[in-house]
Amino acid sequence: MRNPPSIHLAWLDLMLRRALLGGLALVVLFPAARGHSEWAGWAPLWLVGMPASALWALHRFHVAWPPLRLPARRGPQAVRVARRMA
């Protein structure tokens, strides 16, 4: 019998969260992992950025915060006034 896809997605979600937290800890605690070097390479991208984007894609790009709402304008729109050149 095959496992339902939700079990695989839950396992993948757990692994990506662990990779992200481990990468964050490594970048914060290990100074050489913060920048580009011959030894570490593009460590922050691969330790933090890629697991974060994979986790975001796994959840079908849902945004975790509410959408930004700008306040409505209360006054009239500004009008440009032409000046005469003397």
C-alpha atoms as a PDB file:
ATOM      1  CA  MET A   1       0.000   0.000   0.000  1.00  0.00           C
ATOM      2  CA  ARG A   2       1.306   3.442  -0.916  1.00  0.00           C
ATOM      3  CA  ASN A   3       1.634   6.293   1.542  1.00  0.00           C
ATOM      4  CA  PRO A   4      -0.636   9.272   0.932  1.00  0.00           C
ATOM      5  CA  PRO A   5       1.138  12.396  -0.374  1.00  0.00           C
ATOM      6  CA  SER A   6       0.327  14.345   2.799  1.00  0.00           C
ATOM      7  CA  ILE A   7       2.713  12.117   4.789  1.00  0.00           C
ATOM      8  CA  HIS A   8       5.526  12.864   2.356  1.00  0.00           C
ATOM      9  CA  LEU A   9       4.763  16.582   2.447  1.00  0.00           C
ATOM     10  CA  ALA A  10       4.740  16.591   6.249  1.00  0.00           C
ATOM     11  CA  TRP A  11       8.107  14.813   6.286  1.00  0.00           C
ATOM     12  CA  LEU A  12       9.524  17.236   3.707  1.00  0.00           C
ATOM     13  CA  ASP A  13       8.183  20.183   5.701  1.00  0.00           C
ATOM     14  CA  LEU A  14       9.897  18.886   8.841  1.00  0.00           C
ATOM     15  CA  MET A  15      13.204  18.326   7.033  1.00  0.00           C
ATOM     16  CA  LEU A  16      13.141  21.767   5.416  1.00  0.00           C
ATOM     17  CA  ARG A  17      12.385  23.438   8.743  1.00  0.00           C
ATOM     18  CA  ARG A  18      15.294  21.570  10.349  1.00  0.00           C
ATOM     19  CA  ALA A  19      17.612  22.532   7.490  1.00  0.00           C
ATOM     20  CA  LEU A  20      16.534  26.161   7.750  1.00  0.00           C
ATOM     21  CA  LEU A  21      17.008  26.317  11.521  1.00  0.00           C
ATOM     22  CA  GLY A  22      20.344  24.507  11.287  1.00  0.00           C
ATOM     23  CA  GLY A  23      21.513  26.854   8.535  1.00  0.00           C
ATOM     24  CA  LEU A  24      20.435  29.907  10.508  1.00  0.00           C
ATOM     25  CA  ALA A  25      22.286  28.655  13.574  1.00  0.00           C
ATOM     26  CA  LEU A  26      25.402  27.941  11.532  1.00  0.00           C
ATOM     27  CA  VAL A  27      25.371  31.357   9.849  1.00  0.00           C
ATOM     28  CA  VAL A  28      24.804  33.154  13.155  1.00  0.00           C
ATOM     29  CA  LEU A  29      27.350  31.171  15.183  1.00  0.00           C
ATOM     30  CA  PHE A  30      30.064  30.578  12.575  1.00  0.00           C
ATOM     31  CA  PRO A  31      31.427  33.877  11.189  1.00  0.00           C
ATOM     32  CA  ALA A  32      33.014  32.294   8.103  1.00  0.00           C
ATOM     33  CA  ALA A  33      29.570  31.098   6.970  1.00  0.00           C
ATOM     34  CA  ARG A  34      28.312  34.692   6.631  1.00  0.00           C
ATOM     35  CA  GLY A  35      30.255  35.768   3.580  1.00  0.00           C
ATOM     36  CA  HIS A  36      31.810  34.504   0.392  1.00  0.00           C
ATOM     37  CA  SER A  37      35.161  32.774   0.677  1.00  0.00           C
ATOM     38  CA  GLU A  38      36.987  30.048  -1.204  1.00  0.00           C
ATOM     39  CA  TRP A  39      36.377  27.613   1.634  1.00  0.00           C
ATOM     40  CA  ALA A  40      32.751  28.375   2.504  1.00  0.00           C
ATOM     41  CA  GLY A  41      31.509  29.631  -0.877  1.00  0.00           C
ATOM     42  CA  TRP A  42      28.027  31.098  -0.985  1.00  0.00           C
ATOM     43  CA  ALA A  43      27.145  29.606   2.389  1.00  0.00           C
ATOM     44  CA  PRO A  44      24.319  31.962   3.465  1.00  0.00           C
ATOM     45  CA  LEU A  45      22.505  31.349   0.185  1.00  0.00           C
ATOM     46  CA  TRP A  46      22.677  27.569   0.488  1.00  0.00           C
ATOM     47  CA  LEU A  47      22.295  27.377   4.278  1.00  0.00           C
ATOM     48  CA  VAL A  48      19.418  29.849   4.683  1.00  0.00           C
ATOM     49  CA  GLY A  49      18.082  31.144   1.373  1.00  0.00           C
ATOM     50  CA  MET A  50      17.488  27.877  -0.454  1.00  0.00           C
ATOM     51  CA  PRO A  51      15.776  26.013   2.426  1.00  0.00           C
ATOM     52  CA  ALA A  52      13.632  29.102   3.102  1.00  0.00           C
ATOM     53  CA  SER A  53      12.541  29.395  -0.534  1.00  0.00           C
ATOM     54  CA  ALA A  54      11.874  25.646  -0.753  1.00  0.00           C
ATOM     55  CA  LEU A  55       9.749  25.798   2.393  1.00  0.00           C
ATOM     56  CA  TRP A  56       7.880  28.790   0.984  1.00  0.00           C
ATOM     57  CA  ALA A  57       7.264  26.936  -2.286  1.00  0.00           C
ATOM     58  CA  LEU A  58       6.128  23.830  -0.406  1.00  0.00           C
ATOM     59  CA  HIS A  59       3.376  25.880   1.185  1.00  0.00           C
ATOM     60  CA  ARG A  60       2.396  27.188  -2.264  1.00  0.00           C
ATOM     61  CA  PHE A  61       3.746  30.684  -1.662  1.00  0.00           C
ATOM     62  CA  HIS A  62       1.283  31.605   1.065  1.00  0.00           C
ATOM     63  CA  VAL A  63       2.244  34.780   2.827  1.00  0.00           C
ATOM     64  CA  ALA A  64       2.385  34.498   6.598  1.00  0.00           C
ATOM     65  CA  TRP A  65       1.535  38.122   7.327  1.00  0.00           C
ATOM     66  CA  PRO A  66      -1.593  40.125   6.480  1.00  0.00           C
ATOM     67  CA  PRO A  67      -1.459  42.180   3.284  1.00  0.00           C
ATOM     68  CA  LEU A  68      -0.377  45.784   3.557  1.00  0.00           C
ATOM     69  CA  ARG A  69      -3.259  48.251   3.481  1.00  0.00           C
ATOM     70  CA  LEU A  70      -2.478  51.862   2.810  1.00  0.00           C
ATOM     71  CA  PRO A  71      -4.686  54.525   4.396  1.00  0.00           C
ATOM     72  CA  ALA A  72      -7.206  56.171   2.075  1.00  0.00           C
ATOM     73  CA  ARG A  73      -6.478  59.701   0.895  1.00  0.00           C
ATOM     74  CA  ARG A  74      -8.532  62.330   2.637  1.00  0.00           C
ATOM     75  CA  GLY A  75      -7.722  65.531   0.814  1.00  0.00           C
ATOM     76  CA  PRO A  76      -7.867  66.474  -2.855  1.00  0.00           C
ATOM     77  CA  GLN A  77      -5.101  65.515  -5.226  1.00  0.00           C
ATOM     78  CA  ALA A  78      -2.316  68.063  -5.601  1.00  0.00           C
ATOM     79  CA  VAL A  79      -2.544  70.389  -8.594  1.00  0.00           C
ATOM     80  CA  ARG A  80       0.535  71.620 -10.409  1.00  0.00           C
ATOM     81  CA  VAL A  81       0.684  75.416 -10.763  1.00  0.00           C
ATOM     82  CA  ALA A  82       2.557  76.909 -13.718  1.00  0.00           C
ATOM     83  CA  ARG A  83       4.840  79.871 -12.988  1.00  0.00           C
ATOM     84  CA  ARG A  84       5.452  82.719 -15.407  1.00  0.00           C
ATOM     85  CA  MET A  85       9.013  83.355 -16.382  1.00  0.00           C
ATOM     86  CA  ALA A  86       9.839  87.080 -16.230  1.00  0.00           C
END
